């Protein structure tokens, strides 16, 4: 079905939905659409680059502001394991 200018139209099909003649063209269209999508080299690379850069920026900003506290937290977390006999 398609909607065009406030009027509802049904698309013409070659046969009832259960017949093999009607299923083959739909299957071919679906496979062709899947092949086009898989072969497409478009992706969300700029989005991933932006996320990576923003994450690195947040880590650098936090490290610049609270480096001593971060090192102290890390040392406190590892102290029970490093002081005992290994």
PDB file of N, CA and C in Angstrom:
ATOM      1  N   UNK A   1       0.830  -1.176   0.000  1.00  0.00           N
ATOM      2  CA  UNK A   1       0.000   0.000   0.000  1.00  0.00           C
ATOM      3  C   UNK A   1       0.876   1.240   0.000  1.00  0.00           C
ATOM      4  N   UNK A   2       0.412   2.233  -0.726  1.00  0.00           N
ATOM      5  CA  UNK A   2       1.107   3.510  -0.722  1.00  0.00           C
ATOM      6  C   UNK A   2       0.106   4.619  -0.438  1.00  0.00           C
ATOM      7  N   UNK A   3       0.580   5.666   0.179  1.00  0.00           N
ATOM      8  CA  UNK A   3      -0.270   6.811   0.457  1.00  0.00           C
ATOM      9  C   UNK A   3       0.186   7.940  -0.449  1.00  0.00           C
ATOM     10  N   UNK A   4      -0.741   8.477  -1.196  1.00  0.00           N
ATOM     11  CA  UNK A   4      -0.414   9.550  -2.131  1.00  0.00           C
ATOM     12  C   UNK A   4      -1.506  10.604  -2.061  1.00  0.00           C
ATOM     13  N   UNK A   5      -1.137  11.781  -1.639  1.00  0.00           N
ATOM     14  CA  UNK A   5      -2.070  12.915  -1.586  1.00  0.00           C
ATOM     15  C   UNK A   5      -3.357  12.594  -0.852  1.00  0.00           C
ATOM     16  N   UNK A   6      -3.214  12.094   0.358  1.00  0.00           N
ATOM     17  CA  UNK A   6      -4.339  11.809   1.236  1.00  0.00           C
ATOM     18  C   UNK A   6      -5.246  10.696   0.731  1.00  0.00           C
ATOM     19  N   UNK A   7      -4.849   9.972  -0.288  1.00  0.00           N
ATOM     20  CA  UNK A   7      -5.659   8.888  -0.824  1.00  0.00           C
ATOM     21  C   UNK A   7      -4.883   7.592  -0.673  1.00  0.00           C
ATOM     22  N   UNK A   8      -5.556   6.553  -0.231  1.00  0.00           N
ATOM     23  CA  UNK A   8      -4.913   5.275  -0.006  1.00  0.00           C
ATOM     24  C   UNK A   8      -5.064   4.417  -1.249  1.00  0.00           C
ATOM     25  N   UNK A   9      -3.927   3.939  -1.799  1.00  0.00           N
ATOM     26  CA  UNK A   9      -3.939   3.080  -2.977  1.00  0.00           C
ATOM     27  C   UNK A   9      -3.278   1.765  -2.623  1.00  0.00           C
ATOM     28  N   UNK A  10      -3.797   0.686  -3.121  1.00  0.00           N
ATOM     29  CA  UNK A  10      -3.156  -0.608  -2.949  1.00  0.00           C
ATOM     30  C   UNK A  10      -2.305  -0.897  -4.178  1.00  0.00           C
ATOM     31  N   UNK A  11      -1.090  -1.412  -3.908  1.00  0.00           N
ATOM     32  CA  UNK A  11      -0.231  -1.760  -5.030  1.00  0.00           C
ATOM     33  C   UNK A  11      -0.727  -3.057  -5.657  1.00  0.00           C
ATOM     34  N   UNK A  12      -0.543  -3.193  -6.957  1.00  0.00           N
ATOM     35  CA  UNK A  12      -0.994  -4.367  -7.686  1.00  0.00           C
ATOM     36  C   UNK A  12       0.027  -5.487  -7.512  1.00  0.00           C
ATOM     37  N   UNK A  13      -0.445  -6.664  -7.168  1.00  0.00           N
ATOM     38  CA  UNK A  13       0.424  -7.817  -6.993  1.00  0.00           C
ATOM     39  C   UNK A  13       0.073  -8.856  -8.045  1.00  0.00           C
ATOM     40  N   UNK A  14       1.064  -9.653  -8.468  1.00  0.00           N
ATOM     41  CA  UNK A  14       0.787 -10.637  -9.509  1.00  0.00           C
ATOM     42  C   UNK A  14      -0.119 -11.773  -9.066  1.00  0.00           C
ATOM     43  N   UNK A  15      -0.218 -12.043  -7.781  1.00  0.00           N
ATOM     44  CA  UNK A  15      -1.071 -13.137  -7.324  1.00  0.00           C
ATOM     45  C   UNK A  15      -1.252 -13.050  -5.826  1.00  0.00           C
ATOM     46  N   UNK A  16      -1.948 -14.020  -5.243  1.00  0.00           N
ATOM     47  CA  UNK A  16      -2.090 -14.027  -3.795  1.00  0.00           C
ATOM     48  C   UNK A  16      -0.730 -14.168  -3.113  1.00  0.00           C
ATOM     49  N   UNK A  17      -0.618 -13.692  -1.887  1.00  0.00           N
ATOM     50  CA  UNK A  17       0.681 -13.701  -1.209  1.00  0.00           C
ATOM     51  C   UNK A  17       1.296 -15.082  -1.054  1.00  0.00           C
ATOM     52  N   UNK A  18       0.526 -16.151  -1.049  1.00  0.00           N
ATOM     53  CA  UNK A  18       1.065 -17.481  -0.827  1.00  0.00           C
ATOM     54  C   UNK A  18       1.588 -18.169  -2.074  1.00  0.00           C
ATOM     55  N   UNK A  19       1.331 -17.631  -3.249  1.00  0.00           N
ATOM     56  CA  UNK A  19       1.736 -18.315  -4.474  1.00  0.00           C
ATOM     57  C   UNK A  19       3.214 -18.106  -4.752  1.00  0.00           C
ATOM     58  N   UNK A  20       3.873 -19.118  -5.318  1.00  0.00           N
ATOM     59  CA  UNK A  20       5.307 -18.987  -5.623  1.00  0.00           C
ATOM     60  C   UNK A  20       5.602 -17.883  -6.631  1.00  0.00           C
ATOM     61  N   UNK A  21       4.703 -17.635  -7.584  1.00  0.00           N
ATOM     62  CA  UNK A  21       4.939 -16.588  -8.581  1.00  0.00           C
ATOM     63  C   UNK A  21       5.046 -15.219  -7.918  1.00  0.00           C
ATOM     64  N   UNK A  22       4.257 -14.980  -6.880  1.00  0.00           N
ATOM     65  CA  UNK A  22       4.294 -13.697  -6.197  1.00  0.00           C
ATOM     66  C   UNK A  22       5.486 -13.612  -5.252  1.00  0.00           C
ATOM     67  N   UNK A  23       5.930 -14.738  -4.738  1.00  0.00           N
ATOM     68  CA  UNK A  23       7.012 -14.732  -3.760  1.00  0.00           C
ATOM     69  C   UNK A  23       8.374 -14.514  -4.411  1.00  0.00           C
ATOM     70  N   UNK A  24       8.561 -14.995  -5.623  1.00  0.00           N
ATOM     71  CA  UNK A  24       9.873 -14.898  -6.269  1.00  0.00           C
ATOM     72  C   UNK A  24      10.296 -13.453  -6.505  1.00  0.00           C
ATOM     73  N   UNK A  25       9.462 -12.583  -7.086  1.00  0.00           N
ATOM     74  CA  UNK A  25       9.909 -11.200  -7.271  1.00  0.00           C
ATOM     75  C   UNK A  25      10.188 -10.490  -5.954  1.00  0.00           C
ATOM     76  N   UNK A  26       9.378 -10.759  -4.931  1.00  0.00           N
ATOM     77  CA  UNK A  26       9.624 -10.134  -3.632  1.00  0.00           C
ATOM     78  C   UNK A  26      10.935 -10.625  -3.036  1.00  0.00           C
ATOM     79  N   UNK A  27      11.205 -11.904  -3.196  1.00  0.00           N
ATOM     80  CA  UNK A  27      12.446 -12.469  -2.675  1.00  0.00           C
ATOM     81  C   UNK A  27      13.642 -11.876  -3.411  1.00  0.00           C
ATOM     82  N   UNK A  28      13.518 -11.722  -4.737  1.00  0.00           N
ATOM     83  CA  UNK A  28      14.614 -11.126  -5.520  1.00  0.00           C
ATOM     84  C   UNK A  28      14.855  -9.684  -5.115  1.00  0.00           C
ATOM     85  N   UNK A  29      13.773  -8.921  -4.903  1.00  0.00           N
ATOM     86  CA  UNK A  29      13.928  -7.535  -4.472  1.00  0.00           C
ATOM     87  C   UNK A  29      14.581  -7.462  -3.103  1.00  0.00           C
ATOM     88  N   UNK A  30      14.184  -8.360  -2.203  1.00  0.00           N
ATOM     89  CA  UNK A  30      14.772  -8.363  -0.863  1.00  0.00           C
ATOM     90  C   UNK A  30      16.256  -8.724  -0.924  1.00  0.00           C
ATOM     91  N   UNK A  31      16.608  -9.727  -1.728  1.00  0.00           N
ATOM     92  CA  UNK A  31      18.020 -10.109  -1.862  1.00  0.00           C
ATOM     93  C   UNK A  31      18.834  -9.006  -2.523  1.00  0.00           C
ATOM     94  N   UNK A  32      18.252  -8.333  -3.509  1.00  0.00           N
ATOM     95  CA  UNK A  32      18.963  -7.234  -4.165  1.00  0.00           C
ATOM     96  C   UNK A  32      19.173  -6.074  -3.193  1.00  0.00           C
ATOM     97  N   UNK A  33      18.169  -5.775  -2.381  1.00  0.00           N
ATOM     98  CA  UNK A  33      18.319  -4.709  -1.390  1.00  0.00           C
ATOM     99  C   UNK A  33      19.368  -5.074  -0.350  1.00  0.00           C
ATOM    100  N   UNK A  34      19.390  -6.334   0.066  1.00  0.00           N
ATOM    101  CA  UNK A  34      20.391  -6.790   1.026  1.00  0.00           C
ATOM    102  C   UNK A  34      21.792  -6.717   0.425  1.00  0.00           C
ATOM    103  N   UNK A  35      21.939  -7.130  -0.832  1.00  0.00           N
ATOM    104  CA  UNK A  35      23.248  -7.069  -1.499  1.00  0.00           C
ATOM    105  C   UNK A  35      23.713  -5.629  -1.640  1.00  0.00           C
ATOM    106  N   UNK A  36      22.804  -4.711  -1.999  1.00  0.00           N
ATOM    107  CA  UNK A  36      23.192  -3.303  -2.101  1.00  0.00           C
ATOM    108  C   UNK A  36      23.647  -2.762  -0.757  1.00  0.00           C
ATOM    109  N   UNK A  37      22.943  -3.147   0.295  1.00  0.00           N
ATOM    110  CA  UNK A  37      23.292  -2.647   1.626  1.00  0.00           C
ATOM    111  C   UNK A  37      24.634  -3.212   2.105  1.00  0.00           C
ATOM    112  N   UNK A  38      24.895  -4.484   1.821  1.00  0.00           N
ATOM    113  CA  UNK A  38      26.153  -5.093   2.241  1.00  0.00           C
ATOM    114  C   UNK A  38      27.333  -4.580   1.422  1.00  0.00           C
ATOM    115  N   UNK A  39      27.125  -4.275   0.152  1.00  0.00           N
ATOM    116  CA  UNK A  39      28.208  -3.815  -0.709  1.00  0.00           C
ATOM    117  C   UNK A  39      28.452  -2.312  -0.600  1.00  0.00           C
ATOM    118  N   UNK A  40      27.576  -1.619   0.058  1.00  0.00           N
ATOM    119  CA  UNK A  40      27.723  -0.174   0.200  1.00  0.00           C
ATOM    120  C   UNK A  40      28.915   0.149   1.074  1.00  0.00           C
ATOM    121  N   UNK A  41      29.759   1.106   0.631  1.00  0.00           N
ATOM    122  CA  UNK A  41      30.871   1.477   1.496  1.00  0.00           C
ATOM    123  C   UNK A  41      30.549   2.656   2.382  1.00  0.00           C
ATOM    124  N   UNK A  42      29.326   3.048   2.424  1.00  0.00           N
ATOM    125  CA  UNK A  42      28.960   4.119   3.336  1.00  0.00           C
ATOM    126  C   UNK A  42      28.830   3.540   4.739  1.00  0.00           C
ATOM    127  N   UNK A  43      29.315   4.278   5.692  1.00  0.00           N
ATOM    128  CA  UNK A  43      29.217   3.830   7.069  1.00  0.00           C
ATOM    129  C   UNK A  43      29.183   5.024   7.987  1.00  0.00           C
ATOM    130  N   UNK A  44      29.246   4.752   9.242  1.00  0.00           N
ATOM    131  CA  UNK A  44      29.188   5.823  10.221  1.00  0.00           C
ATOM    132  C   UNK A  44      30.583   6.084  10.777  1.00  0.00           C
ATOM    133  N   UNK A  45      31.579   6.133   9.892  1.00  0.00           N
ATOM    134  CA  UNK A  45      32.955   6.366  10.326  1.00  0.00           C
ATOM    135  C   UNK A  45      33.104   7.730  11.000  1.00  0.00           C
ATOM    136  N   UNK A  46      32.563   8.816  10.453  1.00  0.00           N
ATOM    137  CA  UNK A  46      32.711  10.095  11.151  1.00  0.00           C
ATOM    138  C   UNK A  46      32.118  10.073  12.551  1.00  0.00           C
ATOM    139  N   UNK A  47      31.040   9.357  12.754  1.00  0.00           N
ATOM    140  CA  UNK A  47      30.447   9.249  14.078  1.00  0.00           C
ATOM    141  C   UNK A  47      31.362   8.528  15.042  1.00  0.00           C
ATOM    142  N   UNK A  48      31.968   7.419  14.584  1.00  0.00           N
ATOM    143  CA  UNK A  48      32.878   6.676  15.465  1.00  0.00           C
ATOM    144  C   UNK A  48      34.141   7.466  15.757  1.00  0.00           C
ATOM    145  N   UNK A  49      34.630   8.200  14.762  1.00  0.00           N
ATOM    146  CA  UNK A  49      35.810   9.036  14.996  1.00  0.00           C
ATOM    147  C   UNK A  49      35.483  10.108  16.026  1.00  0.00           C
ATOM    148  N   UNK A  50      34.316  10.708  15.911  1.00  0.00           N
ATOM    149  CA  UNK A  50      33.911  11.740  16.864  1.00  0.00           C
ATOM    150  C   UNK A  50      33.780  11.166  18.272  1.00  0.00           C
ATOM    151  N   UNK A  51      33.187   9.999  18.402  1.00  0.00           N
ATOM    152  CA  UNK A  51      33.055   9.366  19.718  1.00  0.00           C
ATOM    153  C   UNK A  51      34.416   9.062  20.306  1.00  0.00           C
ATOM    154  N   UNK A  52      35.336   8.547  19.491  1.00  0.00           N
ATOM    155  CA  UNK A  52      36.675   8.222  19.977  1.00  0.00           C
ATOM    156  C   UNK A  52      37.417   9.476  20.422  1.00  0.00           C
ATOM    157  N   UNK A  53      37.345  10.520  19.618  1.00  0.00           N
ATOM    158  CA  UNK A  53      38.027  11.763  19.985  1.00  0.00           C
ATOM    159  C   UNK A  53      37.421  12.400  21.235  1.00  0.00           C
ATOM    160  N   UNK A  54      36.106  12.354  21.352  1.00  0.00           N
ATOM    161  CA  UNK A  54      35.473  12.919  22.539  1.00  0.00           C
ATOM    162  C   UNK A  54      35.851  12.128  23.788  1.00  0.00           C
ATOM    163  N   UNK A  55      35.908  10.807  23.682  1.00  0.00           N
ATOM    164  CA  UNK A  55      36.304   9.981  24.820  1.00  0.00           C
ATOM    165  C   UNK A  55      37.738  10.283  25.228  1.00  0.00           C
ATOM    166  N   UNK A  56      38.628  10.387  24.250  1.00  0.00           N
ATOM    167  CA  UNK A  56      40.024  10.716  24.556  1.00  0.00           C
ATOM    168  C   UNK A  56      40.116  12.102  25.196  1.00  0.00           C
ATOM    169  N   UNK A  57      39.334  13.048  24.714  1.00  0.00           N
ATOM    170  CA  UNK A  57      39.334  14.390  25.294  1.00  0.00           C
ATOM    171  C   UNK A  57      38.851  14.396  26.736  1.00  0.00           C
ATOM    172  N   UNK A  58      37.820  13.603  27.031  1.00  0.00           N
ATOM    173  CA  UNK A  58      37.317  13.524  28.402  1.00  0.00           C
ATOM    174  C   UNK A  58      38.369  12.913  29.323  1.00  0.00           C
ATOM    175  N   UNK A  59      39.042  11.848  28.852  1.00  0.00           N
ATOM    176  CA  UNK A  59      40.086  11.210  29.665  1.00  0.00           C
ATOM    177  C   UNK A  59      41.231  12.179  29.922  1.00  0.00           C
ATOM    178  N   UNK A  60      41.657  12.899  28.902  1.00  0.00           N
ATOM    179  CA  UNK A  60      42.755  13.865  29.070  1.00  0.00           C
ATOM    180  C   UNK A  60      42.347  14.983  30.028  1.00  0.00           C
ATOM    181  N   UNK A  61      41.126  15.478  29.892  1.00  0.00           N
ATOM    182  CA  UNK A  61      40.663  16.551  30.777  1.00  0.00           C
ATOM    183  C   UNK A  61      40.575  16.077  32.227  1.00  0.00           C
ATOM    184  N   UNK A  62      40.039  14.865  32.444  1.00  0.00           N
ATOM    185  CA  UNK A  62      39.968  14.338  33.801  1.00  0.00           C
ATOM    186  C   UNK A  62      41.357  14.086  34.379  1.00  0.00           C
ATOM    187  N   UNK A  63      42.253  13.564  33.550  1.00  0.00           N
ATOM    188  CA  UNK A  63      43.615  13.296  34.020  1.00  0.00           C
ATOM    189  C   UNK A  63      44.337  14.595  34.384  1.00  0.00           C
ATOM    190  N   UNK A  64      44.099  15.646  33.605  1.00  0.00           N
ATOM    191  CA  UNK A  64      44.750  16.927  33.890  1.00  0.00           C
ATOM    192  C   UNK A  64      44.235  17.531  35.192  1.00  0.00           C
ATOM    193  N   UNK A  65      42.956  17.361  35.475  1.00  0.00           N
ATOM    194  CA  UNK A  65      42.364  17.964  36.662  1.00  0.00           C
ATOM    195  C   UNK A  65      42.626  17.130  37.919  1.00  0.00           C
ATOM    196  N   UNK A  66      42.519  15.805  37.800  1.00  0.00           N
ATOM    197  CA  UNK A  66      42.536  14.972  38.999  1.00  0.00           C
ATOM    198  C   UNK A  66      43.559  13.847  38.916  1.00  0.00           C
ATOM    199  N   UNK A  67      44.739  14.123  38.373  1.00  0.00           N
ATOM    200  CA  UNK A  67      45.725  13.054  38.198  1.00  0.00           C
ATOM    201  C   UNK A  67      46.188  12.472  39.529  1.00  0.00           C
ATOM    202  N   UNK A  68      46.433  13.312  40.512  1.00  0.00           N
ATOM    203  CA  UNK A  68      46.902  12.814  41.810  1.00  0.00           C
ATOM    204  C   UNK A  68      45.849  11.934  42.479  1.00  0.00           C
ATOM    205  N   UNK A  69      44.592  12.348  42.399  1.00  0.00           N
ATOM    206  CA  UNK A  69      43.522  11.564  43.008  1.00  0.00           C
ATOM    207  C   UNK A  69      43.332  10.231  42.279  1.00  0.00           C
ATOM    208  N   UNK A  70      43.442  10.236  40.974  1.00  0.00           N
ATOM    209  CA  UNK A  70      43.280   9.006  40.199  1.00  0.00           C
ATOM    210  C   UNK A  70      44.399   8.024  40.540  1.00  0.00           C
ATOM    211  N   UNK A  71      45.636   8.508  40.625  1.00  0.00           N
ATOM    212  CA  UNK A  71      46.759   7.648  40.982  1.00  0.00           C
ATOM    213  C   UNK A  71      46.572   7.097  42.398  1.00  0.00           C
ATOM    214  N   UNK A  72      46.109   7.919  43.316  1.00  0.00           N
ATOM    215  CA  UNK A  72      45.891   7.474  44.693  1.00  0.00           C
ATOM    216  C   UNK A  72      44.803   6.403  44.764  1.00  0.00           C
ATOM    217  N   UNK A  73      43.713   6.598  44.025  1.00  0.00           N
ATOM    218  CA  UNK A  73      42.632   5.597  43.990  1.00  0.00           C
ATOM    219  C   UNK A  73      43.165   4.283  43.446  1.00  0.00           C
ATOM    220  N   UNK A  74      43.951   4.345  42.385  1.00  0.00           N
ATOM    221  CA  UNK A  74      44.512   3.145  41.777  1.00  0.00           C
ATOM    222  C   UNK A  74      45.449   2.429  42.748  1.00  0.00           C
ATOM    223  N   UNK A  75      46.298   3.178  43.439  1.00  0.00           N
ATOM    224  CA  UNK A  75      47.219   2.585  44.409  1.00  0.00           C
ATOM    225  C   UNK A  75      46.464   1.976  45.580  1.00  0.00           C
ATOM    226  N   UNK A  76      45.420   2.639  46.052  1.00  0.00           N
ATOM    227  CA  UNK A  76      44.607   2.089  47.142  1.00  0.00           C
ATOM    228  C   UNK A  76      43.892   0.806  46.725  1.00  0.00           C
ATOM    229  N   UNK A  77      43.472   0.757  45.468  1.00  0.00           N
ATOM    230  CA  UNK A  77      42.782  -0.438  44.982  1.00  0.00           C
ATOM    231  C   UNK A  77      43.732  -1.621  44.870  1.00  0.00           C
ATOM    232  N   UNK A  78      44.989  -1.385  44.502  1.00  0.00           N
ATOM    233  CA  UNK A  78      45.950  -2.470  44.328  1.00  0.00           C
ATOM    234  C   UNK A  78      46.741  -2.795  45.590  1.00  0.00           C
ATOM    235  N   UNK A  79      46.672  -1.961  46.608  1.00  0.00           N
ATOM    236  CA  UNK A  79      47.467  -2.162  47.824  1.00  0.00           C
ATOM    237  C   UNK A  79      47.242  -3.520  48.488  1.00  0.00           C
ATOM    238  N   UNK A  80      46.010  -4.005  48.612  1.00  0.00           N
ATOM    239  CA  UNK A  80      45.829  -5.318  49.248  1.00  0.00           C
ATOM    240  C   UNK A  80      46.502  -6.457  48.482  1.00  0.00           C
ATOM    241  N   UNK A  81      46.611  -6.332  47.186  1.00  0.00           N
ATOM    242  CA  UNK A  81      47.184  -7.408  46.382  1.00  0.00           C
ATOM    243  C   UNK A  81      48.707  -7.316  46.332  1.00  0.00           C
ATOM    244  N   UNK A  82      49.244  -6.107  46.398  1.00  0.00           N
ATOM    245  CA  UNK A  82      50.693  -5.926  46.275  1.00  0.00           C
ATOM    246  C   UNK A  82      51.414  -6.109  47.606  1.00  0.00           C
ATOM    247  N   UNK A  83      50.748  -5.856  48.714  1.00  0.00           N
ATOM    248  CA  UNK A  83      51.385  -5.984  50.019  1.00  0.00           C
ATOM    249  C   UNK A  83      51.474  -7.427  50.486  1.00  0.00           C
ATOM    250  N   UNK A  84      50.594  -8.269  50.046  1.00  0.00           N
ATOM    251  CA  UNK A  84      50.592  -9.669  50.473  1.00  0.00           C
ATOM    252  C   UNK A  84      51.642 -10.469  49.719  1.00  0.00           C
ATOM    253  N   UNK A  85      51.791 -11.724  50.104  1.00  0.00           N
ATOM    254  CA  UNK A  85      52.769 -12.577  49.403  1.00  0.00           C
ATOM    255  C   UNK A  85      52.139 -13.083  48.109  1.00  0.00           C
ATOM    256  N   UNK A  86      52.901 -12.933  47.077  1.00  0.00           N
ATOM    257  CA  UNK A  86      52.377 -13.317  45.745  1.00  0.00           C
ATOM    258  C   UNK A  86      52.911 -14.680  45.373  1.00  0.00           C
TER     259      UNK A  86
END
